[in-house]
N, C-alpha and C. Protein backbone atom coordinates (compact mmCIF):
# COMPACT_ATOMS: atom_id res chain seq x y z
N MET A 1 -6.82 -27.92 -29.77
CA MET A 1 -6.22 -26.62 -29.88
C MET A 1 -6.88 -25.68 -28.88
N GLU A 2 -6.06 -24.89 -28.20
CA GLU A 2 -6.58 -23.99 -27.18
C GLU A 2 -7.22 -22.75 -27.79
N ALA A 3 -8.21 -22.24 -27.09
CA ALA A 3 -8.83 -21.00 -27.51
C ALA A 3 -7.89 -19.85 -27.17
N PRO A 4 -7.85 -18.80 -27.98
CA PRO A 4 -6.96 -17.67 -27.67
C PRO A 4 -7.39 -16.99 -26.38
N ARG A 5 -6.40 -16.57 -25.62
CA ARG A 5 -6.69 -15.88 -24.36
C ARG A 5 -7.08 -14.44 -24.65
N PRO A 6 -8.05 -13.93 -23.89
CA PRO A 6 -8.43 -12.52 -24.09
C PRO A 6 -7.32 -11.60 -23.59
N ASP A 7 -7.18 -10.48 -24.24
CA ASP A 7 -6.18 -9.49 -23.85
C ASP A 7 -6.63 -8.84 -22.54
N PRO A 8 -5.80 -8.87 -21.47
CA PRO A 8 -6.22 -8.28 -20.20
C PRO A 8 -6.38 -6.76 -20.26
N ASP A 9 -5.77 -6.14 -21.26
CA ASP A 9 -5.88 -4.69 -21.40
C ASP A 9 -6.90 -4.27 -22.46
N SER A 10 -7.73 -5.20 -22.90
CA SER A 10 -8.67 -4.87 -23.98
C SER A 10 -9.73 -3.86 -23.55
N HIS A 11 -10.00 -3.75 -22.26
CA HIS A 11 -11.00 -2.80 -21.78
C HIS A 11 -10.47 -1.36 -21.75
N LEU A 12 -9.17 -1.19 -21.90
CA LEU A 12 -8.58 0.15 -21.86
C LEU A 12 -8.70 0.81 -23.23
N ASP A 13 -8.87 2.11 -23.22
CA ASP A 13 -8.94 2.82 -24.49
C ASP A 13 -7.54 3.00 -25.07
N SER A 14 -7.46 3.45 -26.28
CA SER A 14 -6.18 3.55 -26.97
C SER A 14 -5.29 4.68 -26.42
N GLN A 15 -5.83 5.57 -25.60
CA GLN A 15 -5.05 6.68 -25.05
C GLN A 15 -4.27 6.30 -23.80
N THR A 16 -4.57 5.15 -23.22
CA THR A 16 -3.90 4.73 -22.00
C THR A 16 -2.56 4.09 -22.34
N PRO A 17 -1.47 4.55 -21.73
CA PRO A 17 -0.16 3.94 -22.02
C PRO A 17 -0.11 2.51 -21.48
N PRO A 18 0.69 1.67 -22.09
CA PRO A 18 0.79 0.29 -21.59
C PRO A 18 1.45 0.25 -20.22
N ARG A 19 1.07 -0.74 -19.46
CA ARG A 19 1.64 -0.90 -18.13
C ARG A 19 3.09 -1.37 -18.22
N PRO A 20 3.97 -0.83 -17.36
CA PRO A 20 5.36 -1.33 -17.39
C PRO A 20 5.41 -2.74 -16.82
N ALA A 21 6.41 -3.46 -17.23
CA ALA A 21 6.57 -4.82 -16.72
C ALA A 21 6.83 -4.78 -15.22
N ALA A 22 6.04 -5.53 -14.46
CA ALA A 22 6.18 -5.55 -13.01
C ALA A 22 7.43 -6.32 -12.63
N PRO A 23 8.18 -5.80 -11.67
CA PRO A 23 9.36 -6.57 -11.23
C PRO A 23 8.90 -7.86 -10.57
N GLN A 24 9.69 -8.87 -10.70
CA GLN A 24 9.35 -10.15 -10.10
C GLN A 24 9.75 -10.13 -8.64
N THR A 25 8.88 -9.56 -7.83
CA THR A 25 9.21 -9.37 -6.42
C THR A 25 9.42 -10.68 -5.70
N TRP A 26 8.75 -11.73 -6.13
CA TRP A 26 8.94 -13.02 -5.46
C TRP A 26 10.37 -13.49 -5.63
N ARG A 27 11.00 -13.22 -6.77
CA ARG A 27 12.40 -13.62 -6.97
C ARG A 27 13.32 -12.81 -6.07
N ILE A 28 13.01 -11.53 -5.92
CA ILE A 28 13.83 -10.68 -5.06
C ILE A 28 13.76 -11.16 -3.62
N TRP A 29 12.55 -11.47 -3.15
CA TRP A 29 12.39 -11.97 -1.78
C TRP A 29 13.09 -13.31 -1.60
N LEU A 30 12.98 -14.20 -2.58
CA LEU A 30 13.61 -15.51 -2.48
C LEU A 30 15.14 -15.40 -2.42
N VAL A 31 15.71 -14.55 -3.26
CA VAL A 31 17.16 -14.37 -3.27
C VAL A 31 17.61 -13.68 -1.98
N THR A 32 16.83 -12.74 -1.48
CA THR A 32 17.16 -12.06 -0.22
C THR A 32 17.17 -13.05 0.94
N PHE A 33 16.16 -13.91 0.98
CA PHE A 33 16.11 -14.93 2.03
C PHE A 33 17.30 -15.87 1.92
N SER A 34 17.63 -16.29 0.70
CA SER A 34 18.77 -17.18 0.50
C SER A 34 20.07 -16.51 0.91
N LEU A 35 20.20 -15.24 0.59
CA LEU A 35 21.39 -14.48 0.97
C LEU A 35 21.55 -14.46 2.49
N CYS A 36 20.48 -14.18 3.19
CA CYS A 36 20.54 -14.16 4.66
C CYS A 36 20.85 -15.55 5.22
N ALA A 37 20.22 -16.57 4.64
CA ALA A 37 20.44 -17.93 5.13
C ALA A 37 21.89 -18.37 4.93
N TRP A 38 22.48 -18.07 3.77
CA TRP A 38 23.88 -18.46 3.53
C TRP A 38 24.81 -17.70 4.47
N GLY A 39 24.50 -16.44 4.74
CA GLY A 39 25.32 -15.67 5.67
C GLY A 39 25.28 -16.24 7.07
N ILE A 40 24.08 -16.58 7.53
CA ILE A 40 23.94 -17.14 8.89
C ILE A 40 24.61 -18.51 8.97
N LEU A 41 24.36 -19.36 7.96
CA LEU A 41 24.99 -20.68 7.96
C LEU A 41 26.52 -20.58 7.92
N GLY A 42 27.02 -19.61 7.17
CA GLY A 42 28.46 -19.41 7.11
C GLY A 42 29.05 -19.00 8.44
N MET A 43 28.36 -18.11 9.14
CA MET A 43 28.85 -17.68 10.45
C MET A 43 28.82 -18.82 11.46
N VAL A 44 27.76 -19.62 11.40
CA VAL A 44 27.67 -20.76 12.31
C VAL A 44 28.77 -21.77 12.00
N ALA A 45 28.98 -22.06 10.72
CA ALA A 45 30.02 -23.02 10.34
C ALA A 45 31.40 -22.52 10.73
N TYR A 46 31.66 -21.24 10.53
CA TYR A 46 32.95 -20.67 10.91
C TYR A 46 33.15 -20.72 12.43
N GLY A 47 32.07 -20.48 13.16
CA GLY A 47 32.14 -20.54 14.62
C GLY A 47 32.42 -21.93 15.14
N ARG A 48 32.03 -22.95 14.37
CA ARG A 48 32.27 -24.34 14.77
C ARG A 48 33.53 -24.90 14.12
N ASP A 49 34.36 -24.04 13.55
CA ASP A 49 35.63 -24.44 12.93
C ASP A 49 35.45 -25.43 11.77
N LYS A 50 34.39 -25.25 11.00
CA LYS A 50 34.18 -26.07 9.80
C LYS A 50 34.45 -25.17 8.60
N LEU A 51 35.73 -24.96 8.35
CA LEU A 51 36.17 -24.00 7.35
C LEU A 51 35.70 -24.34 5.92
N PRO A 52 35.72 -25.61 5.48
CA PRO A 52 35.25 -25.88 4.11
C PRO A 52 33.78 -25.50 3.90
N ILE A 53 32.96 -25.77 4.89
CA ILE A 53 31.54 -25.41 4.79
C ILE A 53 31.38 -23.90 4.84
N ALA A 54 32.17 -23.25 5.68
CA ALA A 54 32.11 -21.79 5.78
C ALA A 54 32.52 -21.14 4.46
N LEU A 55 33.53 -21.70 3.78
CA LEU A 55 33.95 -21.15 2.49
C LEU A 55 32.88 -21.38 1.42
N LEU A 56 32.24 -22.55 1.45
CA LEU A 56 31.13 -22.80 0.52
C LEU A 56 30.00 -21.80 0.75
N CYS A 57 29.68 -21.54 2.01
CA CYS A 57 28.64 -20.57 2.33
C CYS A 57 29.03 -19.17 1.86
N LEU A 58 30.31 -18.83 1.98
CA LEU A 58 30.78 -17.53 1.52
C LEU A 58 30.62 -17.40 0.01
N VAL A 59 30.96 -18.44 -0.72
CA VAL A 59 30.81 -18.42 -2.18
C VAL A 59 29.34 -18.26 -2.56
N MET A 60 28.46 -19.00 -1.89
CA MET A 60 27.03 -18.90 -2.19
C MET A 60 26.47 -17.53 -1.79
N PHE A 61 26.98 -16.98 -0.68
CA PHE A 61 26.57 -15.65 -0.23
C PHE A 61 26.92 -14.60 -1.29
N ILE A 62 28.14 -14.67 -1.79
CA ILE A 62 28.58 -13.72 -2.82
C ILE A 62 27.77 -13.91 -4.10
N SER A 63 27.54 -15.15 -4.47
CA SER A 63 26.76 -15.44 -5.68
C SER A 63 25.34 -14.87 -5.58
N HIS A 64 24.69 -15.08 -4.45
CA HIS A 64 23.34 -14.55 -4.27
C HIS A 64 23.35 -13.03 -4.15
N GLY A 65 24.41 -12.47 -3.59
CA GLY A 65 24.52 -11.01 -3.53
C GLY A 65 24.60 -10.39 -4.91
N VAL A 66 25.38 -11.01 -5.80
CA VAL A 66 25.48 -10.52 -7.17
C VAL A 66 24.14 -10.68 -7.89
N THR A 67 23.47 -11.80 -7.66
CA THR A 67 22.15 -12.01 -8.27
C THR A 67 21.16 -10.97 -7.79
N LEU A 68 21.15 -10.68 -6.50
CA LEU A 68 20.25 -9.67 -5.96
C LEU A 68 20.56 -8.30 -6.54
N TRP A 69 21.83 -7.99 -6.67
CA TRP A 69 22.22 -6.70 -7.26
C TRP A 69 21.71 -6.61 -8.70
N ASN A 70 21.85 -7.70 -9.47
CA ASN A 70 21.37 -7.69 -10.85
C ASN A 70 19.85 -7.58 -10.93
N LEU A 71 19.15 -8.16 -9.99
CA LEU A 71 17.68 -8.10 -10.00
C LEU A 71 17.16 -6.72 -9.62
N THR A 72 17.92 -5.98 -8.81
CA THR A 72 17.40 -4.72 -8.29
C THR A 72 18.00 -3.47 -8.92
N ARG A 73 19.04 -3.62 -9.74
CA ARG A 73 19.60 -2.40 -10.33
C ARG A 73 18.68 -1.86 -11.42
N ARG A 74 18.71 -0.56 -11.57
CA ARG A 74 17.87 0.10 -12.58
C ARG A 74 18.62 0.11 -13.90
N ARG A 75 17.89 -0.15 -14.95
CA ARG A 75 18.50 -0.16 -16.30
C ARG A 75 17.98 0.97 -17.11
């Protein structure tokens, strides 16, 4: 059985408000990179007349765009 982990905020006094949940910036960067990559791949595929691949890239681009919007909108 594991020992309980110490509370990282135990050194703070009771008057200090709790820290807000940090945004997962690594997810935002990963989705942004994927969005750019799908856009570039789609443009290259369209330029080479590979329409099925270009349409797949467009779908993935839109999907990652919606994901990025959901990750960055304020609630």
